[in-house]
């Protein structure tokens, strides 16, 4: 009897272990949805213009992607590692009629090319923001905006910081990518 129970438990556990292991080992931050007031302020602070491209890193249920495409008429791309959240967000995008302008792709934010992004939003921990910084500096052009919910980007000076009160206090950081200074040739 014990052998049967053990075999059943092993079989029941197989689907979880047969999935792509990156889905579990590369989970970079826990999923915590941003409150609607925070989403609104993040997008307002970014000053999104129609047609601009917005990337939401760790997009979760897609609420920022949907708001950016719907309210601001942006091209919005979410990057999310969880296949369940990608499926859920994709369904919400379809329900909102925004499939032409918004999508959420499954992927690792540390392996994503942000070339062409005008705005990047994120709700990731400070340590991950520090890991992302070189990628953001590599891919984003001068004038691009980065908006981070609750966690700063170490080494960057925000151009604006706002607080949102609610059950808990939230802090929104806005960063603007500056043109690189061209160093004169050494003599």
N, C-alpha and C. Protein backbone atom coordinates (compact mmCIF):
# COMPACT_ATOMS: atom_id res chain seq x y z
N UNK A 1 0.82 -1.19 0.00
CA UNK A 1 0.00 0.00 0.00
C UNK A 1 0.88 1.26 0.00
N UNK A 2 1.92 1.26 0.88
CA UNK A 2 2.81 2.41 0.93
C UNK A 2 3.49 2.66 -0.41
N UNK A 3 3.87 1.60 -1.09
CA UNK A 3 4.52 1.72 -2.41
C UNK A 3 3.57 2.35 -3.40
N UNK A 4 2.29 2.01 -3.36
CA UNK A 4 1.29 2.60 -4.28
C UNK A 4 1.13 4.09 -4.02
N UNK A 5 1.06 4.47 -2.74
CA UNK A 5 0.91 5.88 -2.39
C UNK A 5 2.15 6.65 -2.85
N UNK A 6 3.34 6.09 -2.61
CA UNK A 6 4.57 6.74 -3.05
C UNK A 6 4.62 6.91 -4.55
N UNK A 7 4.20 5.88 -5.29
CA UNK A 7 4.18 5.95 -6.74
C UNK A 7 3.20 7.01 -7.21
N UNK A 8 2.02 7.09 -6.60
CA UNK A 8 1.03 8.10 -6.97
C UNK A 8 1.55 9.51 -6.70
N UNK A 9 2.21 9.71 -5.58
CA UNK A 9 2.77 11.03 -5.28
C UNK A 9 3.85 11.41 -6.29
N UNK A 10 4.69 10.46 -6.67
CA UNK A 10 5.74 10.71 -7.66
C UNK A 10 5.12 11.08 -9.01
N UNK A 11 4.10 10.34 -9.43
CA UNK A 11 3.44 10.62 -10.71
C UNK A 11 2.76 11.98 -10.67
N UNK A 12 2.12 12.30 -9.56
CA UNK A 12 1.43 13.59 -9.44
C UNK A 12 2.42 14.75 -9.51
N UNK A 13 3.64 14.55 -9.04
CA UNK A 13 4.63 15.63 -9.04
C UNK A 13 5.32 15.80 -10.38
N UNK A 14 5.26 14.81 -11.26
CA UNK A 14 5.98 14.87 -12.54
C UNK A 14 5.66 16.09 -13.39
N UNK A 15 4.40 16.52 -13.55
CA UNK A 15 4.15 17.68 -14.40
C UNK A 15 4.91 18.92 -13.96
N UNK A 16 5.03 19.14 -12.67
CA UNK A 16 5.74 20.33 -12.20
C UNK A 16 7.22 20.26 -12.55
N UNK A 17 7.83 19.08 -12.46
CA UNK A 17 9.24 18.96 -12.76
C UNK A 17 9.52 18.81 -14.25
N UNK A 18 8.53 18.45 -15.04
CA UNK A 18 8.76 18.28 -16.47
C UNK A 18 8.65 19.60 -17.22
N UNK A 19 8.19 20.66 -16.55
CA UNK A 19 8.11 21.97 -17.18
C UNK A 19 9.52 22.50 -17.41
N UNK A 20 9.61 23.55 -18.16
CA UNK A 20 10.90 24.20 -18.39
C UNK A 20 11.46 24.65 -17.04
N UNK A 21 12.62 24.17 -16.63
CA UNK A 21 13.15 24.53 -15.32
C UNK A 21 13.44 26.02 -15.17
N UNK A 22 13.68 26.74 -16.26
CA UNK A 22 13.93 28.18 -16.18
C UNK A 22 12.74 28.91 -15.60
N UNK A 23 11.53 28.37 -15.83
CA UNK A 23 10.33 28.99 -15.30
C UNK A 23 10.42 29.08 -13.78
N UNK A 24 11.03 28.11 -13.15
CA UNK A 24 11.08 28.08 -11.70
C UNK A 24 12.39 28.63 -11.15
N UNK A 25 13.51 28.30 -11.77
CA UNK A 25 14.79 28.72 -11.22
C UNK A 25 15.11 30.17 -11.55
N UNK A 26 14.53 30.73 -12.58
CA UNK A 26 14.85 32.10 -12.97
C UNK A 26 13.78 33.09 -12.55
N UNK A 27 12.90 32.70 -11.66
CA UNK A 27 11.89 33.63 -11.18
C UNK A 27 12.62 34.75 -10.47
N UNK A 28 12.53 35.95 -10.99
CA UNK A 28 13.37 37.04 -10.53
C UNK A 28 12.75 37.88 -9.42
N UNK A 29 11.44 37.89 -9.32
CA UNK A 29 10.76 38.68 -8.30
C UNK A 29 9.37 38.08 -8.09
N UNK A 30 8.82 38.23 -6.91
CA UNK A 30 7.48 37.71 -6.68
C UNK A 30 6.45 38.54 -7.44
N UNK A 31 5.31 37.92 -7.78
CA UNK A 31 4.25 38.67 -8.45
C UNK A 31 3.41 39.39 -7.40
N UNK A 32 3.41 40.71 -7.48
CA UNK A 32 2.57 41.54 -6.64
C UNK A 32 1.99 42.60 -7.58
N UNK A 33 0.67 42.62 -7.70
CA UNK A 33 0.03 43.57 -8.61
C UNK A 33 0.13 45.00 -8.10
N UNK A 34 0.38 45.93 -9.00
CA UNK A 34 0.40 47.34 -8.65
C UNK A 34 -1.03 47.85 -8.55
N UNK A 35 -1.34 48.61 -7.50
CA UNK A 35 -2.69 49.20 -7.38
C UNK A 35 -2.97 50.14 -8.56
N UNK A 36 -4.24 50.28 -8.90
CA UNK A 36 -4.64 51.11 -10.04
C UNK A 36 -4.11 52.53 -9.93
N UNK A 37 -4.14 53.12 -8.74
CA UNK A 37 -3.65 54.49 -8.56
C UNK A 37 -2.16 54.58 -8.87
N UNK A 38 -1.42 53.54 -8.53
CA UNK A 38 0.02 53.51 -8.81
C UNK A 38 0.27 53.38 -10.31
N UNK A 39 -0.48 52.50 -10.97
CA UNK A 39 -0.36 52.33 -12.42
C UNK A 39 -0.63 53.65 -13.13
N UNK A 40 -1.70 54.32 -12.75
CA UNK A 40 -2.05 55.60 -13.36
C UNK A 40 -0.93 56.62 -13.20
N UNK A 41 -0.37 56.72 -11.99
CA UNK A 41 0.69 57.69 -11.74
C UNK A 41 1.96 57.32 -12.50
N UNK A 42 2.30 56.04 -12.55
CA UNK A 42 3.50 55.62 -13.28
C UNK A 42 3.40 56.05 -14.74
N UNK A 43 2.25 55.79 -15.36
CA UNK A 43 2.10 56.12 -16.78
C UNK A 43 2.01 57.63 -17.00
N UNK A 44 1.38 58.33 -16.08
CA UNK A 44 1.30 59.79 -16.18
C UNK A 44 2.70 60.40 -16.07
N UNK A 45 3.50 59.92 -15.10
CA UNK A 45 4.85 60.45 -14.93
C UNK A 45 5.73 60.21 -16.15
N UNK A 46 5.49 59.11 -16.87
CA UNK A 46 6.27 58.79 -18.07
C UNK A 46 5.94 59.69 -19.25
N UNK A 47 4.83 60.41 -19.18
CA UNK A 47 4.40 61.32 -20.25
C UNK A 47 4.41 60.60 -21.61
N UNK A 48 3.69 59.50 -21.67
CA UNK A 48 3.63 58.68 -22.88
C UNK A 48 2.85 59.40 -23.97
N UNK A 49 3.43 59.40 -25.16
CA UNK A 49 2.77 59.99 -26.33
C UNK A 49 2.21 58.86 -27.20
N UNK A 50 1.11 59.11 -27.90
CA UNK A 50 0.56 58.07 -28.79
C UNK A 50 1.62 57.56 -29.76
N UNK A 51 1.66 56.24 -29.93
CA UNK A 51 2.61 55.61 -30.84
C UNK A 51 3.94 55.25 -30.21
N UNK A 52 4.23 55.76 -29.01
CA UNK A 52 5.48 55.38 -28.35
C UNK A 52 5.41 53.92 -27.93
N UNK A 53 6.57 53.33 -27.69
CA UNK A 53 6.64 51.93 -27.28
C UNK A 53 6.97 51.85 -25.80
N UNK A 54 6.12 51.12 -25.08
CA UNK A 54 6.26 50.94 -23.64
C UNK A 54 6.56 49.47 -23.37
N UNK A 55 7.60 49.20 -22.59
CA UNK A 55 7.90 47.84 -22.12
C UNK A 55 7.60 47.80 -20.62
N UNK A 56 6.87 46.79 -20.20
CA UNK A 56 6.62 46.57 -18.77
C UNK A 56 7.33 45.29 -18.37
N UNK A 57 8.34 45.42 -17.53
CA UNK A 57 9.17 44.28 -17.14
C UNK A 57 8.56 43.60 -15.92
N UNK A 58 8.34 42.30 -16.05
CA UNK A 58 7.64 41.58 -14.99
C UNK A 58 6.19 42.01 -15.00
N UNK A 59 5.55 41.90 -16.16
CA UNK A 59 4.25 42.51 -16.41
C UNK A 59 3.07 41.86 -15.70
N UNK A 60 3.28 40.71 -15.08
CA UNK A 60 2.20 40.11 -14.29
C UNK A 60 0.93 39.92 -15.08
N UNK A 61 -0.16 40.50 -14.58
CA UNK A 61 -1.48 40.34 -15.21
C UNK A 61 -1.70 41.28 -16.38
N UNK A 62 -0.72 42.09 -16.73
CA UNK A 62 -0.80 42.95 -17.92
C UNK A 62 -1.49 44.28 -17.71
N UNK A 63 -1.77 44.65 -16.48
CA UNK A 63 -2.53 45.89 -16.25
C UNK A 63 -1.83 47.14 -16.78
N UNK A 64 -0.50 47.22 -16.68
CA UNK A 64 0.21 48.39 -17.20
C UNK A 64 0.21 48.36 -18.73
N UNK A 65 0.41 47.20 -19.32
CA UNK A 65 0.39 47.05 -20.78
C UNK A 65 -0.98 47.48 -21.32
N UNK A 66 -2.04 47.03 -20.69
CA UNK A 66 -3.40 47.36 -21.12
C UNK A 66 -3.67 48.85 -20.98
N UNK A 67 -3.27 49.44 -19.86
CA UNK A 67 -3.48 50.87 -19.65
C UNK A 67 -2.67 51.71 -20.64
N UNK A 68 -1.42 51.32 -20.89
CA UNK A 68 -0.58 52.08 -21.82
C UNK A 68 -1.16 52.06 -23.24
N UNK A 69 -1.63 50.90 -23.67
CA UNK A 69 -2.20 50.79 -25.02
C UNK A 69 -3.58 51.43 -25.09
N UNK A 70 -4.38 51.20 -24.07
CA UNK A 70 -5.76 51.71 -24.10
C UNK A 70 -5.87 53.20 -23.88
N UNK A 71 -5.31 53.70 -22.80
CA UNK A 71 -5.45 55.12 -22.44
C UNK A 71 -4.49 56.02 -23.20
N UNK A 72 -3.27 55.54 -23.43
CA UNK A 72 -2.23 56.39 -24.03
C UNK A 72 -1.97 56.10 -25.50
N UNK A 73 -2.62 55.08 -26.05
CA UNK A 73 -2.47 54.72 -27.46
C UNK A 73 -1.01 54.38 -27.81
N UNK A 74 -0.34 53.76 -26.86
CA UNK A 74 1.04 53.33 -27.07
C UNK A 74 1.07 51.92 -27.62
N UNK A 75 2.22 51.54 -28.14
CA UNK A 75 2.50 50.14 -28.46
C UNK A 75 3.08 49.58 -27.18
N UNK A 76 2.45 48.59 -26.58
CA UNK A 76 2.87 48.12 -25.27
C UNK A 76 3.27 46.65 -25.30
N UNK A 77 4.41 46.35 -24.68
CA UNK A 77 4.95 45.00 -24.64
C UNK A 77 5.24 44.66 -23.18
N UNK A 78 4.67 43.56 -22.72
CA UNK A 78 4.98 43.07 -21.39
C UNK A 78 5.95 41.92 -21.49
N UNK A 79 6.83 41.80 -20.51
CA UNK A 79 7.75 40.67 -20.43
C UNK A 79 7.48 40.01 -19.08
N UNK A 80 7.08 38.74 -19.13
CA UNK A 80 6.69 38.01 -17.92
C UNK A 80 7.22 36.59 -18.01
N UNK A 81 7.76 36.08 -16.92
CA UNK A 81 8.35 34.75 -16.92
C UNK A 81 7.32 33.65 -16.67
N UNK A 82 6.22 33.97 -16.01
CA UNK A 82 5.21 32.97 -15.66
C UNK A 82 4.27 32.69 -16.83
N UNK A 83 4.22 31.45 -17.33
CA UNK A 83 3.31 31.15 -18.44
C UNK A 83 1.85 31.37 -18.07
N UNK A 84 1.48 31.12 -16.82
CA UNK A 84 0.09 31.34 -16.39
C UNK A 84 -0.27 32.82 -16.47
N UNK A 85 0.63 33.68 -16.01
CA UNK A 85 0.35 35.11 -16.06
C UNK A 85 0.35 35.63 -17.50
N UNK A 86 1.22 35.08 -18.35
CA UNK A 86 1.22 35.46 -19.76
C UNK A 86 -0.13 35.12 -20.39
N UNK A 87 -0.63 33.92 -20.13
CA UNK A 87 -1.92 33.49 -20.69
C UNK A 87 -3.05 34.37 -20.17
N UNK A 88 -3.04 34.66 -18.89
CA UNK A 88 -4.08 35.49 -18.29
C UNK A 88 -4.04 36.91 -18.87
N UNK A 89 -2.85 37.49 -18.97
CA UNK A 89 -2.71 38.84 -19.51
C UNK A 89 -3.12 38.89 -20.98
N UNK A 90 -2.75 37.87 -21.74
CA UNK A 90 -3.12 37.81 -23.16
C UNK A 90 -4.64 37.77 -23.31
N UNK A 91 -5.29 37.01 -22.46
CA UNK A 91 -6.77 36.94 -22.50
C UNK A 91 -7.37 38.30 -22.17
N UNK A 92 -6.81 39.01 -21.20
CA UNK A 92 -7.32 40.34 -20.83
C UNK A 92 -7.10 41.34 -21.97
N UNK A 93 -5.96 41.25 -22.63
CA UNK A 93 -5.67 42.13 -23.77
C UNK A 93 -6.68 41.89 -24.88
N UNK A 94 -6.97 40.63 -25.15
CA UNK A 94 -7.97 40.29 -26.18
C UNK A 94 -9.35 40.81 -25.78
N UNK A 95 -9.74 40.62 -24.51
CA UNK A 95 -11.05 41.11 -24.03
C UNK A 95 -11.16 42.63 -24.17
N UNK A 96 -10.03 43.32 -23.97
CA UNK A 96 -10.03 44.78 -24.09
C UNK A 96 -9.96 45.25 -25.54
N UNK A 97 -9.81 44.33 -26.49
CA UNK A 97 -9.73 44.69 -27.90
C UNK A 97 -8.43 45.40 -28.26
N UNK A 98 -7.35 45.08 -27.56
CA UNK A 98 -6.08 45.78 -27.77
C UNK A 98 -4.98 44.91 -28.38
N UNK A 99 -5.36 43.78 -28.96
CA UNK A 99 -4.36 42.84 -29.49
C UNK A 99 -3.45 43.45 -30.55
N UNK A 100 -3.92 44.46 -31.27
CA UNK A 100 -3.09 45.08 -32.31
C UNK A 100 -1.99 45.95 -31.70
N UNK A 101 -2.19 46.42 -30.47
CA UNK A 101 -1.25 47.36 -29.87
C UNK A 101 -0.57 46.87 -28.59
N UNK A 102 -1.01 45.73 -28.08
CA UNK A 102 -0.46 45.26 -26.81
C UNK A 102 -0.23 43.76 -26.85
N UNK A 103 0.84 43.33 -26.18
CA UNK A 103 1.10 41.90 -26.06
C UNK A 103 1.98 41.67 -24.85
N UNK A 104 1.89 40.45 -24.32
CA UNK A 104 2.77 40.04 -23.23
C UNK A 104 3.49 38.79 -23.72
N UNK A 105 4.81 38.83 -23.66
CA UNK A 105 5.59 37.68 -24.09
C UNK A 105 6.24 37.02 -22.88
N UNK A 106 6.38 35.71 -22.98
CA UNK A 106 7.04 35.00 -21.90
C UNK A 106 8.54 35.14 -22.10
N UNK A 107 9.23 35.56 -21.06
CA UNK A 107 10.66 35.70 -21.17
C UNK A 107 11.28 36.20 -19.89
N UNK A 108 12.58 36.20 -19.88
CA UNK A 108 13.40 36.63 -18.76
C UNK A 108 13.81 38.08 -19.05
N UNK A 109 13.51 39.00 -18.15
CA UNK A 109 13.81 40.41 -18.41
C UNK A 109 15.30 40.66 -18.59
N UNK A 110 16.13 39.79 -18.04
CA UNK A 110 17.58 39.95 -18.20
C UNK A 110 18.08 39.45 -19.55
N UNK A 111 17.18 38.88 -20.34
CA UNK A 111 17.54 38.40 -21.68
C UNK A 111 16.65 39.04 -22.74
N UNK A 112 16.15 40.23 -22.46
CA UNK A 112 15.23 40.90 -23.37
C UNK A 112 15.91 42.12 -23.99
N UNK A 113 15.72 42.29 -25.27
CA UNK A 113 16.24 43.44 -26.01
C UNK A 113 15.19 44.55 -25.96
N UNK A 114 15.51 45.65 -25.32
CA UNK A 114 14.57 46.77 -25.19
C UNK A 114 14.75 47.82 -26.28
N UNK A 115 15.55 47.53 -27.30
CA UNK A 115 15.79 48.49 -28.36
C UNK A 115 14.45 48.98 -28.89
N UNK A 116 14.32 50.27 -29.01
CA UNK A 116 13.08 50.85 -29.51
C UNK A 116 12.11 51.25 -28.43
N UNK A 117 12.39 50.91 -27.17
CA UNK A 117 11.50 51.31 -26.08
C UNK A 117 11.66 52.80 -25.80
N UNK A 118 10.53 53.47 -25.68
CA UNK A 118 10.53 54.87 -25.27
C UNK A 118 10.34 54.97 -23.76
N UNK A 119 9.63 53.99 -23.22
CA UNK A 119 9.34 53.95 -21.78
C UNK A 119 9.50 52.51 -21.30
N UNK A 120 10.11 52.34 -20.13
CA UNK A 120 10.19 51.04 -19.47
C UNK A 120 9.60 51.22 -18.08
N UNK A 121 8.63 50.37 -17.73
CA UNK A 121 8.08 50.37 -16.38
C UNK A 121 8.47 49.08 -15.71
N UNK A 122 8.60 49.12 -14.37
CA UNK A 122 8.97 47.91 -13.66
C UNK A 122 8.60 48.00 -12.19
N UNK A 123 8.30 46.84 -11.63
CA UNK A 123 8.05 46.70 -10.20
C UNK A 123 8.88 45.50 -9.76
N UNK A 124 10.18 45.73 -9.69
CA UNK A 124 11.15 44.69 -9.38
C UNK A 124 11.98 45.16 -8.19
N UNK A 125 12.62 44.25 -7.52
CA UNK A 125 13.40 44.60 -6.34
C UNK A 125 14.68 45.36 -6.73
N UNK A 126 15.21 46.12 -5.79
CA UNK A 126 16.39 46.95 -6.04
C UNK A 126 17.56 46.15 -6.60
N UNK A 127 17.79 44.95 -6.08
CA UNK A 127 18.90 44.12 -6.56
C UNK A 127 18.73 43.81 -8.05
N UNK A 128 17.51 43.48 -8.46
CA UNK A 128 17.26 43.18 -9.87
C UNK A 128 17.37 44.46 -10.70
N UNK A 129 16.91 45.58 -10.17
CA UNK A 129 17.07 46.85 -10.88
C UNK A 129 18.54 47.14 -11.15
N UNK A 130 19.41 46.81 -10.17
CA UNK A 130 20.84 46.99 -10.35
C UNK A 130 21.37 46.09 -11.46
N UNK A 131 20.87 44.85 -11.52
CA UNK A 131 21.29 43.93 -12.59
C UNK A 131 20.79 44.40 -13.95
N UNK A 132 19.62 45.01 -13.98
CA UNK A 132 19.03 45.49 -15.24
C UNK A 132 19.68 46.77 -15.76
N UNK A 133 20.24 47.55 -14.87
CA UNK A 133 20.76 48.86 -15.25
C UNK A 133 21.67 48.83 -16.48
N UNK A 134 22.68 47.93 -16.57
CA UNK A 134 23.53 47.94 -17.77
C UNK A 134 22.75 47.63 -19.05
N UNK A 135 21.73 46.78 -18.96
CA UNK A 135 20.91 46.47 -20.14
C UNK A 135 20.09 47.69 -20.55
N UNK A 136 19.53 48.37 -19.57
CA UNK A 136 18.76 49.57 -19.86
C UNK A 136 19.66 50.63 -20.50
N UNK A 137 20.85 50.78 -19.95
CA UNK A 137 21.79 51.76 -20.52
C UNK A 137 22.22 51.38 -21.93
N UNK A 138 22.31 50.09 -22.19
CA UNK A 138 22.73 49.61 -23.51
C UNK A 138 21.63 49.81 -24.56
N UNK A 139 20.39 49.49 -24.20
CA UNK A 139 19.31 49.45 -25.19
C UNK A 139 18.50 50.73 -25.31
N UNK A 140 18.43 51.54 -24.27
CA UNK A 140 17.55 52.71 -24.33
C UNK A 140 18.28 53.91 -24.91
N UNK A 141 17.56 54.65 -25.72
CA UNK A 141 18.13 55.83 -26.36
C UNK A 141 17.91 57.05 -25.45
N UNK A 142 18.70 58.12 -25.66
CA UNK A 142 18.49 59.34 -24.88
C UNK A 142 17.04 59.81 -25.01
N UNK A 143 16.49 60.23 -23.90
CA UNK A 143 15.10 60.68 -23.86
C UNK A 143 14.13 59.60 -23.41
N UNK A 144 14.57 58.35 -23.42
CA UNK A 144 13.70 57.27 -22.92
C UNK A 144 13.49 57.45 -21.43
N UNK A 145 12.34 56.99 -20.94
CA UNK A 145 12.02 57.12 -19.53
C UNK A 145 11.89 55.74 -18.89
N UNK A 146 12.36 55.63 -17.66
CA UNK A 146 12.23 54.41 -16.87
C UNK A 146 11.45 54.78 -15.62
N UNK A 147 10.39 54.04 -15.35
CA UNK A 147 9.56 54.30 -14.17
C UNK A 147 9.56 53.05 -13.32
N UNK A 148 10.00 53.20 -12.07
CA UNK A 148 10.10 52.06 -11.17
C UNK A 148 9.17 52.25 -9.97
N UNK A 149 8.42 51.24 -9.68
CA UNK A 149 7.49 51.23 -8.54
C UNK A 149 8.21 50.70 -7.31
N UNK A 150 8.30 51.51 -6.31
CA UNK A 150 8.82 51.19 -4.97
C UNK A 150 10.33 50.99 -4.86
N UNK A 151 11.01 50.59 -5.90
CA UNK A 151 12.43 50.27 -5.78
C UNK A 151 13.26 51.13 -6.72
N UNK A 152 14.27 51.83 -6.18
CA UNK A 152 15.11 52.68 -7.04
C UNK A 152 16.05 51.85 -7.91
N UNK A 153 16.65 52.53 -8.88
CA UNK A 153 17.71 51.94 -9.70
C UNK A 153 19.02 52.46 -9.12
N UNK A 154 19.79 51.59 -8.46
CA UNK A 154 21.05 52.05 -7.85
C UNK A 154 21.99 52.70 -8.87
N UNK A 155 22.54 53.85 -8.48
CA UNK A 155 23.48 54.56 -9.35
C UNK A 155 22.83 55.58 -10.26
N UNK A 156 21.52 55.57 -10.35
CA UNK A 156 20.81 56.57 -11.17
C UNK A 156 20.16 57.59 -10.25
N UNK A 157 20.10 58.82 -10.72
CA UNK A 157 19.41 59.88 -9.97
C UNK A 157 18.04 60.10 -10.61
N UNK A 158 16.96 59.91 -9.83
CA UNK A 158 15.64 60.12 -10.42
C UNK A 158 15.39 61.59 -10.73
N UNK A 159 14.63 61.82 -11.80
CA UNK A 159 14.26 63.20 -12.14
C UNK A 159 12.98 63.61 -11.43
N UNK A 160 12.26 62.60 -10.90
CA UNK A 160 11.03 62.88 -10.16
C UNK A 160 10.73 61.68 -9.26
N UNK A 161 10.28 61.95 -8.05
CA UNK A 161 9.87 60.91 -7.12
C UNK A 161 8.52 61.33 -6.55
N UNK A 162 7.56 60.42 -6.59
CA UNK A 162 6.21 60.70 -6.07
C UNK A 162 5.82 59.61 -5.09
N UNK A 163 5.02 59.98 -4.11
CA UNK A 163 4.47 59.04 -3.13
C UNK A 163 2.98 58.88 -3.39
N UNK A 164 2.50 57.64 -3.22
CA UNK A 164 1.07 57.35 -3.36
C UNK A 164 0.62 56.70 -2.06
N UNK A 165 -0.32 57.33 -1.40
CA UNK A 165 -0.82 56.77 -0.16
C UNK A 165 -1.97 55.81 -0.43
N UNK A 166 -2.08 54.85 0.42
CA UNK A 166 -3.13 53.84 0.36
C UNK A 166 -3.01 53.00 1.60
N UNK A 167 -3.36 51.74 1.52
CA UNK A 167 -3.15 50.86 2.68
C UNK A 167 -1.69 50.84 3.06
N UNK A 168 -0.82 50.92 2.04
CA UNK A 168 0.62 51.07 2.26
C UNK A 168 1.10 52.23 1.39
N UNK A 169 2.21 52.81 1.79
CA UNK A 169 2.79 53.91 1.01
C UNK A 169 3.59 53.33 -0.15
N UNK A 170 3.39 53.90 -1.34
CA UNK A 170 4.14 53.48 -2.53
C UNK A 170 4.98 54.66 -3.00
N UNK A 171 6.14 54.37 -3.56
CA UNK A 171 7.02 55.39 -4.10
C UNK A 171 7.26 55.08 -5.58
N UNK A 172 7.13 56.09 -6.41
CA UNK A 172 7.34 55.95 -7.85
C UNK A 172 8.56 56.79 -8.22
N UNK A 173 9.52 56.15 -8.91
CA UNK A 173 10.75 56.81 -9.34
C UNK A 173 10.72 56.96 -10.86
N UNK A 174 10.98 58.16 -11.33
CA UNK A 174 11.08 58.42 -12.77
C UNK A 174 12.54 58.75 -13.09
N UNK A 175 13.07 58.06 -14.09
CA UNK A 175 14.43 58.31 -14.58
C UNK A 175 14.35 58.65 -16.06
N UNK A 176 15.21 59.54 -16.51
CA UNK A 176 15.28 59.88 -17.93
C UNK A 176 16.69 59.58 -18.41
N UNK A 177 16.77 58.84 -19.51
CA UNK A 177 18.07 58.47 -20.08
C UNK A 177 18.67 59.72 -20.72
N UNK A 178 19.87 60.05 -20.28
CA UNK A 178 20.56 61.25 -20.76
C UNK A 178 21.46 60.90 -21.94
N UNK A 179 21.72 61.88 -22.81
CA UNK A 179 22.68 61.62 -23.89
C UNK A 179 24.05 61.32 -23.30
N UNK A 180 24.76 60.42 -23.93
CA UNK A 180 26.10 60.10 -23.48
C UNK A 180 27.02 61.25 -23.85
N UNK A 181 27.89 61.57 -22.95
CA UNK A 181 28.85 62.62 -23.23
C UNK A 181 29.97 62.03 -24.10
N UNK A 182 30.31 62.74 -25.15
CA UNK A 182 31.39 62.30 -26.02
C UNK A 182 32.69 62.86 -25.44
N UNK A 183 33.59 61.98 -25.11
CA UNK A 183 34.87 62.39 -24.54
C UNK A 183 35.79 62.86 -25.67
N UNK A 184 36.48 63.99 -25.43
CA UNK A 184 37.43 64.43 -26.46
C UNK A 184 38.59 63.44 -26.56
N UNK A 185 39.16 63.31 -27.74
CA UNK A 185 40.28 62.39 -27.89
C UNK A 185 41.45 62.82 -27.01
N UNK A 186 42.16 61.82 -26.47
CA UNK A 186 43.33 62.11 -25.62
C UNK A 186 44.50 62.47 -26.52
N UNK A 187 45.28 63.43 -26.06
CA UNK A 187 46.44 63.88 -26.84
C UNK A 187 47.69 63.27 -26.30
